[in-house]
Amino acid sequence: MRLLALRARDWRNVAAASVECDARFVVLAGENAQGKTNLLEGVWTLATLRSFRESRPRRLVREGADAASLGATVRGDAGTRALGWSLQADGARALRVDERPARGLDEWFGLLRAVLFCPEHLDIVRGDPVARRSFVDRAAFTASPSHLALVRDYKRVVDQKAALLRSAPADRASRAAWDAHLIRLGALLSQRRLRILDDLRGPFAEMHAAIAGPEPVALGLSGVGAAAADGLAAAEAAIAEALDRAAAEESRRRMVLCGPHRDDLVLTVDGRPARAFASQGQARSLVLALKLAELEAARRRGEAPLFLLDDLTSELDARRMRRLVALLAELPNQVWITTTDPGWLGPLPGGDARILRVEAGSVRASPSVDEGPPPG
């Protein structure tokens, strides 16, 4: 899977841009606040149909414009295809494939997928459980886009049950019906999460060792969803039992207190919880290893999503940067990187790199990458 060309109009601070990007490494270089992350955000939006920085549609449309559009020429298993995405300021979205309306999300997501690393992803280690659950669900989506529908269906059930609990007193028959849905969908969700963790576990340990050295790491799932390791029936039984135990407390607090929406991804380093004991450097290495594990798991499935890395040079020293670039060179994925100094990346493998300079929302090609500082 490769992005051959990217087009943007009235997207963020970009009035108009059209760039060729048929290279293994695409480097978006420029000073801060010039628009390089905006372009990377555009690639992510094409791949996932959502921004990684903004939930309000109007903020994605350039000031003074009525609509924003993104386009891409992509090459993959389905051949070379043209994608078109447009967004009105009121939030209305349109998707086109080869100049016709997209047949559905399955078609769209089959043509372009991506894995993203950005500084905010340190929350996977340091933040609340929601950040870790989101990582697991995003990884499961990368493996199978249908996972998104399951997550949405489960969330809708939780929201409906929560609304019922807030209408005191909750009708028992209605509550039992929503619990039945929650048990069924929650067991399926837990099974999917455990399946992707099984896919990631080996690659995660390997990638972490390559980045940080032989420090043992592990992935696990805590909460009722962990019972899915013994099958769907076991997961359903565990969720049902937890709901039964918490019924009175849920009624009192008018909240849905049990289910996979309360589970957590457990990350350990040398046998200790990473959230409590990992240093800042360890947290960076853990998150990068998780993202690289997504890529490796995809490679083992015969897939190669894009890898997008935002502001990486602010997160890694030169030595770790070179180790990361060497790892990326062994993978088949196209890599997009934003940086203020492309020289910090060091020599990119095989010279297969395209450097795009971004200034005040304008983009131009740059001829080469300097070697940058020596490894530190």
Foldseek 3Di string as FASTA:
>chain_A
DDWQKKWKDQFQLAHTAIDGFPFLEEEAAADPPQCSVSVLQLLQCQQPVDGPPDDQQLNGGHPPDQKMKMKTFAADPVGTKIWIWMAGNVGDIFIDIRRHGDPDVVVSNVGAHEFEDEPVLLCCQANDQVSVVVLLLSLLCNVPVCSVVLVVQLVVLQVVLLVQLVPPPRDPVVNVVSLVVQLQSLLVNLLSSVVSQVLLFVQLCVQLCLQPNNWDKGKDKDFLSNLCVVPSVSSSVSQVVVCVVCVVVCSVVSHDDHGPVPMGMFMDTNRHTSNVDPDLLRSVSSSVSSSVSSQVSQVVVVHAHAYEYEAVPVRDALQSLQSVLVVSVVGPHRYYYYYNAQLSNADHPPQRYWYWYGGSNYIDTDDDHHRHDDGD
